[in-house]
Amino acid sequence: MPRRTGSYAAGRQRRDRIVEVAAARFAEDGYHRTSLARIAADADLTEGGLLHHFPSKKHLLLAVAEHRIATTAQWWAELDEDASVEAVFDRMAGTAERFLRQPGLIELFVLASAEAADPSSPAHAVFAERYRTAVDSLAAVFTRCVRRGELAAGTDCDALARECVAVSDGLQLQWVLSDGRVDLVAGVREHARRVLR
């Protein structure tokens, strides 16, 4: 039994290492320009060894997208529970700035989002949960802001949370389609200014 547990732990560590390497490589070179052979070499594996953990590049795409979602969620979780509405929008702009430091992961996120539109794709459930969690968490913060008088009484906090997520994700798509010419951070900040007015 201990050997099986050890083997599982080693396999999990190897899988995590592949995801980290792939995330870095996708961030630097982009998804389409990165081969599985390159990721395997960076992870000190054969391509067959990599395929043991991820049978296709799409499986690896999903794993890296999940990693990005989890990392972003963790950063948001560090926001104080009683953060002001201004602090929430600053965190949104800061998130956009973090994304721009790894532009290849913006491309990857857009690709994974498109894959998630297919209900039969494993990405579908991952992204559905991501949106539910993001909207619920943000709506809870906005509800507290309404109670403190920082947002107008009667604000539909669920709708505002969905709008904020839509702005962030929509701007990322536009950033990819414009080859980086759309100002992601400025777009988020302008949306915040309109809400706060």
Protein backbone atom coordinates (compact mmCIF):
# COMPACT_ATOMS: atom_id res chain seq x y z
CA MET A 1 0.00 0.00 0.00
CA PRO A 2 2.71 2.59 0.85
CA ARG A 3 4.30 1.99 -2.55
CA ARG A 4 1.00 2.73 -4.29
CA THR A 5 0.59 5.97 -2.28
CA GLY A 6 4.17 6.95 -3.08
CA SER A 7 3.65 6.16 -6.73
CA TYR A 8 0.46 8.24 -6.80
CA ALA A 9 2.19 11.18 -5.11
CA ALA A 10 5.10 10.99 -7.57
CA GLY A 11 2.67 10.86 -10.48
CA ARG A 12 0.77 13.84 -9.10
CA GLN A 13 4.00 15.81 -8.71
CA ARG A 14 5.01 14.94 -12.27
CA ARG A 15 1.59 16.03 -13.56
CA ASP A 16 1.79 19.31 -11.64
CA ARG A 17 5.28 19.90 -13.02
CA ILE A 18 4.02 19.37 -16.59
CA VAL A 19 1.21 21.88 -16.02
CA GLU A 20 3.65 24.46 -14.61
CA VAL A 21 6.05 23.99 -17.51
CA ALA A 22 3.23 24.13 -20.06
CA ALA A 23 1.79 27.28 -18.48
CA ALA A 24 5.18 28.99 -18.67
CA ARG A 25 5.76 27.86 -22.25
CA PHE A 26 2.25 28.82 -23.40
CA ALA A 27 2.66 32.19 -21.67
CA GLU A 28 5.94 32.83 -23.47
CA ASP A 29 5.31 31.36 -26.93
CA GLY A 30 1.54 30.94 -27.15
CA TYR A 31 -0.51 27.76 -27.37
CA HIS A 32 -0.31 27.15 -31.11
CA ARG A 33 3.43 27.79 -31.33
CA THR A 34 4.29 25.38 -28.53
CA SER A 35 4.75 21.70 -29.30
CA LEU A 36 4.17 18.84 -26.90
CA ALA A 37 7.74 17.74 -27.63
CA ARG A 38 9.05 21.10 -26.34
CA ILE A 39 6.96 20.88 -23.17
CA ALA A 40 8.13 17.30 -22.59
CA ALA A 41 11.76 18.34 -23.00
CA ASP A 42 11.32 21.29 -20.61
CA ALA A 43 9.75 18.91 -18.06
CA ASP A 44 12.59 16.37 -18.49
CA LEU A 45 10.22 13.77 -19.95
CA THR A 46 9.86 11.91 -23.18
CA GLU A 47 6.87 12.89 -25.29
CA GLY A 48 5.42 9.45 -24.47
CA GLY A 49 5.84 10.18 -20.76
CA LEU A 50 3.94 13.44 -21.17
CA LEU A 51 1.17 11.72 -23.15
CA HIS A 52 0.78 9.25 -20.29
CA HIS A 53 -0.51 12.14 -18.18
CA PHE A 54 -2.16 14.20 -20.94
CA PRO A 55 -3.36 12.17 -23.94
CA SER A 56 -3.61 15.26 -26.16
CA LYS A 57 -2.69 18.90 -26.34
CA LYS A 58 -6.34 19.78 -25.64
CA HIS A 59 -6.18 17.89 -22.34
CA LEU A 60 -3.10 19.92 -21.44
CA LEU A 61 -4.85 23.12 -22.52
CA LEU A 62 -7.66 22.38 -20.08
CA ALA A 63 -5.25 21.59 -17.24
CA VAL A 64 -3.37 24.85 -17.75
CA ALA A 65 -6.66 26.77 -17.97
CA GLU A 66 -7.75 25.18 -14.66
CA HIS A 67 -4.39 26.17 -13.16
CA ARG A 68 -4.90 29.78 -14.30
CA ILE A 69 -8.45 29.83 -12.91
CA ALA A 70 -7.26 28.45 -9.55
CA THR A 71 -4.35 30.90 -9.33
CA THR A 72 -6.61 33.86 -10.13
CA ALA A 73 -9.23 32.67 -7.63
CA GLN A 74 -6.55 32.39 -4.94
CA TRP A 75 -5.41 35.96 -5.60
CA TRP A 76 -9.00 37.18 -5.35
CA ALA A 77 -9.47 35.20 -2.14
CA GLU A 78 -6.74 37.34 -0.56
CA LEU A 79 -8.95 40.43 -0.98
CA ASP A 80 -10.25 41.57 2.39
CA GLU A 81 -13.84 40.46 3.00
CA ASP A 82 -14.82 44.05 3.81
CA ALA A 83 -12.94 45.58 0.87
CA SER A 84 -14.39 48.83 -0.47
CA VAL A 85 -15.97 48.91 -3.91
CA GLU A 86 -12.95 50.93 -5.11
CA ALA A 87 -10.63 48.17 -3.84
CA VAL A 88 -12.68 45.57 -5.72
CA PHE A 89 -12.33 47.47 -8.99
CA ASP A 90 -8.62 48.05 -8.30
CA ARG A 91 -8.28 44.28 -7.91
CA MET A 92 -10.02 43.79 -11.27
CA ALA A 93 -7.55 46.17 -12.96
CA GLY A 94 -4.68 44.48 -11.13
CA THR A 95 -5.88 41.11 -12.41
CA ALA A 96 -5.81 42.45 -15.97
CA GLU A 97 -2.26 43.71 -15.40
CA ARG A 98 -1.22 40.28 -14.13
CA PHE A 99 -2.72 38.66 -17.22
CA LEU A 100 -0.76 41.02 -19.48
CA ARG A 101 2.49 39.85 -17.87
CA GLN A 102 1.70 36.42 -19.37
CA PRO A 103 0.00 37.25 -22.66
CA GLY A 104 0.18 33.69 -23.94
CA LEU A 105 -2.15 32.67 -21.13
CA ILE A 106 -4.74 35.19 -22.32
CA GLU A 107 -4.75 33.43 -25.69
CA LEU A 108 -4.97 30.09 -23.92
CA PHE A 109 -7.89 31.25 -21.77
CA VAL A 110 -9.81 32.40 -24.85
CA LEU A 111 -9.15 29.06 -26.58
CA ALA A 112 -10.26 27.10 -23.52
CA SER A 113 -13.39 29.26 -23.23
CA ALA A 114 -14.30 28.43 -26.83
CA GLU A 115 -13.71 24.73 -26.11
CA ALA A 116 -15.99 25.05 -23.06
CA ALA A 117 -18.91 26.14 -25.25
CA ASP A 118 -19.26 22.48 -26.32
CA PRO A 119 -21.36 20.73 -23.63
CA SER A 120 -19.59 17.44 -24.35
CA SER A 121 -16.16 18.94 -23.62
CA PRO A 122 -14.53 18.40 -20.19
CA ALA A 123 -13.88 22.16 -20.25
CA HIS A 124 -17.63 22.83 -20.11
CA ALA A 125 -18.08 21.78 -16.48
CA VAL A 126 -14.82 23.47 -15.42
CA PHE A 127 -15.81 26.82 -16.91
CA ALA A 128 -19.43 26.58 -15.76
CA GLU A 129 -18.18 26.14 -12.19
CA ARG A 130 -15.65 28.94 -12.66
CA TYR A 131 -18.36 31.39 -13.73
CA ARG A 132 -20.74 30.33 -10.95
CA THR A 133 -18.07 30.74 -8.29
CA ALA A 134 -16.76 34.05 -9.67
CA VAL A 135 -20.22 35.60 -9.95
CA ASP A 136 -21.34 34.36 -6.52
CA SER A 137 -18.16 35.61 -4.80
CA LEU A 138 -18.22 39.00 -6.50
CA ALA A 139 -21.96 39.44 -5.88
CA ALA A 140 -21.39 38.78 -2.16
CA VAL A 141 -18.73 41.53 -2.06
CA PHE A 142 -21.01 43.96 -3.90
CA THR A 143 -23.86 43.14 -1.49
CA ARG A 144 -21.66 44.20 1.42
CA CYS A 145 -20.79 47.40 -0.51
CA VAL A 146 -24.52 48.16 -0.90
CA ARG A 147 -25.04 47.69 2.85
CA ARG A 148 -22.26 50.20 3.55
CA GLY A 149 -23.76 52.69 1.10
CA GLU A 150 -20.87 52.43 -1.41
CA LEU A 151 -23.25 51.24 -4.13
CA ALA A 152 -26.79 52.47 -4.66
CA ALA A 153 -29.54 50.77 -2.69
CA GLY A 154 -31.38 48.36 -4.95
CA THR A 155 -28.28 47.51 -7.01
CA ASP A 156 -28.71 44.08 -8.59
CA CYS A 157 -25.46 42.64 -7.26
CA ASP A 158 -25.71 39.36 -9.21
CA ALA A 159 -26.21 41.28 -12.47
CA LEU A 160 -23.32 43.64 -11.67
CA ALA A 161 -21.04 40.70 -10.88
CA ARG A 162 -21.95 38.99 -14.17
CA GLU A 163 -21.32 42.27 -16.00
CA CYS A 164 -17.85 42.63 -14.43
CA VAL A 165 -16.89 39.07 -15.39
CA ALA A 166 -18.26 39.65 -18.90
CA VAL A 167 -16.23 42.85 -19.29
CA SER A 168 -13.03 41.13 -18.15
CA ASP A 169 -13.47 38.07 -20.36
CA GLY A 170 -14.82 40.04 -23.32
CA LEU A 171 -11.86 42.42 -23.24
CA GLN A 172 -9.49 39.45 -23.19
CA LEU A 173 -11.14 38.11 -26.36
CA GLN A 174 -10.90 41.54 -27.99
CA TRP A 175 -7.25 41.80 -26.90
CA VAL A 176 -6.48 38.51 -28.65
CA LEU A 177 -8.42 39.43 -31.81
CA SER A 178 -6.74 42.86 -32.02
CA ASP A 179 -3.24 41.37 -31.59
CA GLY A 180 -2.87 43.19 -28.29
CA ARG A 181 -4.00 46.63 -29.48
CA VAL A 182 -7.03 46.77 -27.15
CA ASP A 183 -5.99 48.28 -23.82
CA LEU A 184 -7.18 45.63 -21.38
CA VAL A 185 -6.44 47.56 -18.19
CA ALA A 186 -7.91 50.84 -19.46
CA GLY A 187 -11.08 49.01 -20.48
CA VAL A 188 -11.50 47.54 -17.00
CA ARG A 189 -10.83 50.90 -15.34
CA GLU A 190 -13.29 52.72 -17.64
CA HIS A 191 -15.99 50.20 -16.79
CA ALA A 192 -15.27 50.76 -13.08
CA ARG A 193 -15.57 54.53 -13.52
CA ARG A 194 -18.97 54.15 -15.19
CA VAL A 195 -20.24 51.89 -12.40
CA LEU A 196 -18.96 54.17 -9.64
CA ARG A 197 -20.60 57.22 -11.23
